[in-house]
């Protein structure tokens, strides 16, 4: 995390804000709540695809190093 890297001594907390005056279970009944929820939902798959494209490169490099180190002479 960038915050931790630059300011490690501070205790970090995550606080969510719910500005809708309705139970979360009824999110689909409010037009604005529904719009925001679905907009965030639509961000999940592209994010997962981006992360998946980046991972194999790092894992492949570390796997190659591990394999060369663990091979007996």
N, C-alpha and C. Protein backbone atom coordinates (compact mmCIF):
# COMPACT_ATOMS: atom_id res chain seq x y z
N UNK A 1 0.85 -1.19 0.00
CA UNK A 1 0.00 0.00 0.00
C UNK A 1 0.88 1.24 0.00
N UNK A 2 0.51 2.19 -0.80
CA UNK A 2 1.28 3.42 -0.89
C UNK A 2 1.30 4.17 0.43
N UNK A 3 0.17 4.25 1.09
CA UNK A 3 0.10 4.96 2.36
C UNK A 3 1.05 4.33 3.38
N UNK A 4 1.03 3.02 3.47
CA UNK A 4 1.91 2.32 4.42
C UNK A 4 3.38 2.54 4.07
N UNK A 5 3.69 2.54 2.80
CA UNK A 5 5.09 2.72 2.38
C UNK A 5 5.60 4.10 2.77
N UNK A 6 4.77 5.12 2.63
CA UNK A 6 5.21 6.49 2.90
C UNK A 6 4.95 6.95 4.34
N UNK A 7 4.06 6.27 5.04
CA UNK A 7 3.69 6.70 6.39
C UNK A 7 3.38 5.47 7.24
N UNK A 8 4.37 4.61 7.51
CA UNK A 8 4.13 3.32 8.17
C UNK A 8 3.71 3.41 9.63
N UNK A 9 4.06 4.49 10.31
CA UNK A 9 3.77 4.55 11.75
C UNK A 9 2.32 4.91 12.07
N UNK A 10 1.54 5.31 11.09
CA UNK A 10 0.16 5.71 11.33
C UNK A 10 -0.77 4.49 11.26
N UNK A 11 -1.71 4.40 12.18
CA UNK A 11 -2.70 3.32 12.15
C UNK A 11 -3.74 3.65 11.09
N UNK A 12 -3.94 2.72 10.15
CA UNK A 12 -4.89 2.95 9.06
C UNK A 12 -6.22 2.27 9.39
N UNK A 13 -7.29 2.93 8.99
CA UNK A 13 -8.63 2.37 9.20
C UNK A 13 -9.45 2.57 7.94
N UNK A 14 -10.33 1.64 7.67
CA UNK A 14 -11.25 1.76 6.55
C UNK A 14 -12.63 2.05 7.12
N UNK A 15 -13.21 3.15 6.67
CA UNK A 15 -14.54 3.53 7.13
C UNK A 15 -15.44 3.66 5.91
N UNK A 16 -16.51 2.91 5.89
CA UNK A 16 -17.44 3.03 4.77
C UNK A 16 -18.53 4.03 5.12
N UNK A 17 -19.04 4.67 4.10
CA UNK A 17 -20.10 5.66 4.28
C UNK A 17 -21.33 5.17 3.53
N UNK A 18 -22.43 5.09 4.23
CA UNK A 18 -23.69 4.68 3.61
C UNK A 18 -24.62 5.88 3.63
N UNK A 19 -24.74 6.54 2.49
CA UNK A 19 -25.55 7.76 2.44
C UNK A 19 -27.00 7.49 2.04
N UNK A 20 -27.38 6.23 1.95
CA UNK A 20 -28.75 5.89 1.57
C UNK A 20 -29.54 5.48 2.80
N UNK A 21 -30.71 6.05 2.93
CA UNK A 21 -31.56 5.79 4.10
C UNK A 21 -32.44 4.56 3.85
N UNK A 22 -31.81 3.44 3.63
CA UNK A 22 -32.55 2.19 3.44
C UNK A 22 -31.65 1.02 3.77
N UNK A 23 -32.21 -0.11 4.11
CA UNK A 23 -31.40 -1.29 4.41
C UNK A 23 -30.62 -1.75 3.17
N UNK A 24 -29.44 -2.26 3.37
CA UNK A 24 -28.61 -2.71 2.25
C UNK A 24 -29.29 -3.81 1.44
N UNK A 25 -30.09 -4.61 2.09
CA UNK A 25 -30.77 -5.70 1.39
C UNK A 25 -31.75 -5.18 0.35
N UNK A 26 -32.15 -3.93 0.47
CA UNK A 26 -33.10 -3.35 -0.49
C UNK A 26 -32.42 -2.41 -1.48
N UNK A 27 -31.14 -2.59 -1.73
CA UNK A 27 -30.40 -1.70 -2.62
C UNK A 27 -31.02 -1.61 -4.00
N UNK A 28 -31.61 -2.70 -4.46
CA UNK A 28 -32.16 -2.75 -5.81
C UNK A 28 -33.46 -1.95 -5.97
N UNK A 29 -34.04 -1.50 -4.86
CA UNK A 29 -35.31 -0.77 -4.95
C UNK A 29 -35.12 0.74 -5.10
N UNK A 30 -33.93 1.24 -4.89
CA UNK A 30 -33.65 2.67 -5.02
C UNK A 30 -32.85 2.88 -6.31
N UNK A 31 -33.31 3.78 -7.17
CA UNK A 31 -32.70 3.98 -8.49
C UNK A 31 -31.22 4.40 -8.38
N UNK A 32 -30.90 5.37 -7.55
CA UNK A 32 -29.52 5.85 -7.44
C UNK A 32 -28.63 4.81 -6.77
N UNK A 33 -29.12 4.18 -5.72
CA UNK A 33 -28.35 3.14 -5.03
C UNK A 33 -28.05 2.00 -6.01
N UNK A 34 -29.05 1.60 -6.76
CA UNK A 34 -28.90 0.53 -7.73
C UNK A 34 -27.89 0.92 -8.81
N UNK A 35 -27.98 2.14 -9.31
CA UNK A 35 -27.05 2.60 -10.35
C UNK A 35 -25.61 2.56 -9.85
N UNK A 36 -25.39 3.05 -8.64
CA UNK A 36 -24.03 3.06 -8.08
C UNK A 36 -23.51 1.65 -7.81
N UNK A 37 -24.37 0.81 -7.28
CA UNK A 37 -23.98 -0.57 -6.97
C UNK A 37 -23.59 -1.30 -8.26
N UNK A 38 -24.39 -1.18 -9.29
CA UNK A 38 -24.11 -1.87 -10.54
C UNK A 38 -22.89 -1.28 -11.25
N UNK A 39 -22.65 0.01 -11.10
CA UNK A 39 -21.45 0.62 -11.68
C UNK A 39 -20.20 0.03 -11.02
N UNK A 40 -20.23 -0.12 -9.71
CA UNK A 40 -19.08 -0.73 -9.02
C UNK A 40 -18.94 -2.20 -9.40
N UNK A 41 -20.04 -2.91 -9.51
CA UNK A 41 -20.03 -4.32 -9.88
C UNK A 41 -19.37 -4.50 -11.26
N UNK A 42 -19.69 -3.58 -12.18
CA UNK A 42 -19.15 -3.67 -13.54
C UNK A 42 -17.64 -3.45 -13.57
N UNK A 43 -17.05 -2.92 -12.54
CA UNK A 43 -15.61 -2.69 -12.49
C UNK A 43 -14.83 -3.94 -12.09
N UNK A 44 -15.50 -4.92 -11.51
CA UNK A 44 -14.81 -6.08 -10.95
C UNK A 44 -14.13 -6.93 -12.02
N UNK A 45 -14.85 -7.34 -13.06
CA UNK A 45 -14.26 -8.22 -14.08
C UNK A 45 -13.10 -7.58 -14.81
N UNK A 46 -13.21 -6.32 -15.27
CA UNK A 46 -12.03 -5.71 -15.90
C UNK A 46 -10.82 -5.65 -14.97
N UNK A 47 -11.06 -5.40 -13.69
CA UNK A 47 -9.96 -5.37 -12.73
C UNK A 47 -9.32 -6.75 -12.61
N UNK A 48 -10.14 -7.78 -12.48
CA UNK A 48 -9.61 -9.14 -12.36
C UNK A 48 -8.82 -9.54 -13.61
N UNK A 49 -9.30 -9.13 -14.78
CA UNK A 49 -8.60 -9.44 -16.03
C UNK A 49 -7.25 -8.73 -16.07
N UNK A 50 -7.21 -7.47 -15.64
CA UNK A 50 -5.95 -6.72 -15.62
C UNK A 50 -4.96 -7.37 -14.68
N UNK A 51 -5.41 -7.77 -13.51
CA UNK A 51 -4.54 -8.40 -12.52
C UNK A 51 -4.05 -9.75 -13.05
N UNK A 52 -4.92 -10.50 -13.67
CA UNK A 52 -4.55 -11.82 -14.20
C UNK A 52 -3.50 -11.69 -15.30
N UNK A 53 -3.59 -10.64 -16.11
CA UNK A 53 -2.59 -10.44 -17.17
C UNK A 53 -1.23 -10.11 -16.58
N UNK A 54 -1.20 -9.43 -15.45
CA UNK A 54 0.08 -9.05 -14.84
C UNK A 54 0.71 -10.17 -14.05
N UNK A 55 -0.07 -11.00 -13.41
CA UNK A 55 0.46 -12.04 -12.51
C UNK A 55 1.39 -13.05 -13.17
N UNK A 56 1.01 -13.62 -14.30
CA UNK A 56 1.86 -14.69 -14.84
C UNK A 56 3.30 -14.25 -15.09
N UNK A 57 3.52 -13.02 -15.48
CA UNK A 57 4.90 -12.56 -15.71
C UNK A 57 5.71 -12.63 -14.43
N UNK A 58 5.14 -12.13 -13.35
CA UNK A 58 5.87 -12.16 -12.08
C UNK A 58 6.05 -13.58 -11.59
N UNK A 59 4.97 -14.36 -11.68
CA UNK A 59 5.06 -15.73 -11.20
C UNK A 59 6.01 -16.56 -12.05
N UNK A 60 6.00 -16.33 -13.35
CA UNK A 60 6.89 -17.10 -14.23
C UNK A 60 8.34 -16.81 -13.89
N UNK A 61 8.66 -15.56 -13.64
CA UNK A 61 10.04 -15.20 -13.31
C UNK A 61 10.45 -15.82 -11.98
N UNK A 62 9.59 -15.73 -10.98
CA UNK A 62 9.96 -16.29 -9.68
C UNK A 62 9.97 -17.81 -9.73
N UNK A 63 9.12 -18.41 -10.54
CA UNK A 63 9.11 -19.87 -10.67
C UNK A 63 10.39 -20.35 -11.34
N UNK A 64 10.85 -19.59 -12.34
CA UNK A 64 12.09 -19.97 -13.02
C UNK A 64 13.28 -19.89 -12.06
N UNK A 65 13.31 -18.86 -11.24
CA UNK A 65 14.39 -18.71 -10.26
C UNK A 65 14.31 -19.85 -9.25
N UNK A 66 13.11 -20.14 -8.75
CA UNK A 66 12.95 -21.22 -7.77
C UNK A 66 13.36 -22.55 -8.35
N UNK A 67 12.99 -22.79 -9.60
CA UNK A 67 13.33 -24.06 -10.23
C UNK A 67 14.84 -24.20 -10.41
N UNK A 68 15.50 -23.10 -10.78
CA UNK A 68 16.95 -23.20 -10.98
C UNK A 68 17.68 -23.36 -9.67
N UNK A 69 17.15 -22.79 -8.60
CA UNK A 69 17.77 -22.89 -7.29
C UNK A 69 17.57 -24.28 -6.70
N UNK A 70 16.38 -24.86 -6.92
CA UNK A 70 16.07 -26.13 -6.29
C UNK A 70 16.60 -27.34 -7.08
N UNK A 71 17.15 -27.13 -8.27
CA UNK A 71 17.69 -28.23 -9.06
C UNK A 71 19.01 -28.71 -8.46
N UNK A 72 19.15 -30.01 -8.26
CA UNK A 72 20.43 -30.51 -7.76
C UNK A 72 21.49 -30.40 -8.84
N UNK A 73 22.75 -30.21 -8.47
CA UNK A 73 23.83 -30.06 -9.47
C UNK A 73 24.12 -31.33 -10.22
